[in-house]
Structures are given as structure tokens and as C-alpha cells.
């Protein structure tokens, strides 16, 4: 991916507050990219929040990528050579 930079929550909230303006004008005023403005506004429209929150944490995975590549027999909990 491209360069990533942390955008403070206060700036994201300003983006939403300025959403009546053109995205280019918002980006210029807040010194961020137009893509950042677009992404923040899209997130706010979809979730009602300007901060992404991770899904609920679950249990650790029982399989690792090597197990998946080799094959896993879930009945006996041993590797199945396929």
C-alpha cells in the first residue's frame, strides 16, 4: 500500500463537520489528501463513527498457514498428508 499517516480523531471530526464543502477544499484546508477526506466521509456514512474499531476478539486460531497448506484432518486433530 501507499504511505500511511495517522490522522488524529479531531481532524477526522473536522472533515465530517466540513462535509458540506467540496472534498478538495476540505483536503486543502486541513492539509490532508483528498483520498483521506473521501475515506473518512465514507466511514462516517457507513458506521456513524470516524474511527474504525476491530471486530470482537475471538479465540486464537488452531491452524497456522503451514497446517492449512499441508491439510488438516479435523476428526483426529492430526495432519492429513492428503
Protein backbone atom coordinates (compact mmCIF):
# COMPACT_ATOMS: atom_id res chain seq x y z
CA UNK A 1 0.00 0.00 0.00
CA UNK A 2 0.95 3.62 -0.18
CA UNK A 3 2.23 5.91 2.52
CA UNK A 4 0.09 5.78 5.61
CA UNK A 5 -0.08 8.52 8.20
CA UNK A 6 -2.06 8.61 11.42
CA UNK A 7 -4.87 11.14 11.20
CA UNK A 8 -5.98 12.39 14.64
CA UNK A 9 -9.63 11.90 15.58
CA UNK A 10 -10.07 15.68 15.88
CA UNK A 11 -9.07 16.13 12.23
CA UNK A 12 -11.44 13.36 11.15
CA UNK A 13 -14.27 15.04 13.06
CA UNK A 14 -13.43 18.35 11.33
CA UNK A 15 -13.64 16.57 7.97
CA UNK A 16 -17.17 15.41 8.79
CA UNK A 17 -18.13 18.86 10.08
CA UNK A 18 -16.89 20.41 6.82
CA UNK A 19 -18.62 17.81 4.62
CA UNK A 20 -20.83 20.48 3.05
CA UNK A 21 -17.71 21.69 1.18
CA UNK A 22 -16.00 20.03 -1.78
CA UNK A 23 -13.58 17.26 -0.82
CA UNK A 24 -10.72 19.09 -2.49
CA UNK A 25 -11.39 22.22 -0.40
CA UNK A 26 -11.57 20.19 2.81
CA UNK A 27 -8.28 18.47 1.98
CA UNK A 28 -6.58 21.78 1.22
CA UNK A 29 -7.84 23.44 4.43
CA UNK A 30 -6.88 20.51 6.67
CA UNK A 31 -3.64 19.68 4.80
CA UNK A 32 -4.51 16.08 4.05
CA UNK A 33 -5.18 14.19 0.85
CA UNK A 34 -8.49 14.12 -0.99
CA UNK A 35 -8.46 10.32 -0.58
CA UNK A 36 -8.25 10.74 3.19
CA UNK A 37 -11.27 13.03 3.11
CA UNK A 38 -13.15 10.55 0.94
CA UNK A 39 -12.30 7.59 3.19
CA UNK A 40 -13.24 9.42 6.40
CA UNK A 41 -16.58 10.58 4.96
CA UNK A 42 -17.33 7.08 3.67
CA UNK A 43 -16.52 5.53 7.06
CA UNK A 44 -18.67 8.11 8.85
CA UNK A 45 -21.59 7.43 6.49
CA UNK A 46 -21.32 3.66 6.87
CA UNK A 47 -20.68 3.37 10.60
CA UNK A 48 -21.61 6.72 12.14
CA UNK A 49 -18.06 6.96 13.52
CA UNK A 50 -14.78 8.34 12.21
CA UNK A 51 -12.73 5.65 13.98
CA UNK A 52 -12.50 2.06 12.82
CA UNK A 53 -12.92 -0.43 15.64
CA UNK A 54 -11.78 -4.02 15.30
CA UNK A 55 -14.29 -6.84 15.38
CA UNK A 56 -14.67 -8.69 18.64
CA UNK A 57 -11.59 -10.65 19.55
CA UNK A 58 -12.06 -14.38 19.36
CA UNK A 59 -10.04 -17.37 20.34
CA UNK A 60 -6.64 -17.89 18.80
CA UNK A 61 -6.67 -19.88 15.60
CA UNK A 62 -5.97 -23.57 15.93
CA UNK A 63 -4.39 -23.77 12.50
CA UNK A 64 -1.47 -21.87 11.14
CA UNK A 65 -0.76 -21.29 7.44
CA UNK A 66 1.50 -24.35 7.28
CA UNK A 67 -1.26 -26.57 8.65
CA UNK A 68 -3.65 -25.22 6.04
CA UNK A 69 -1.14 -25.71 3.22
CA UNK A 70 -0.43 -29.32 4.21
CA UNK A 71 -4.01 -30.28 5.06
CA UNK A 72 -5.76 -30.76 8.38
CA UNK A 73 -7.95 -33.66 9.43
CA UNK A 74 -10.39 -32.14 11.91
CA UNK A 75 -11.68 -35.51 13.16
CA UNK A 76 -8.45 -36.80 14.55
CA UNK A 77 -6.69 -33.46 15.05
CA UNK A 78 -3.63 -34.69 13.21
CA UNK A 79 -2.15 -33.57 9.94
CA UNK A 80 -3.60 -35.42 6.98
CA UNK A 81 -0.99 -35.99 4.27
CA UNK A 82 -3.71 -35.74 1.59
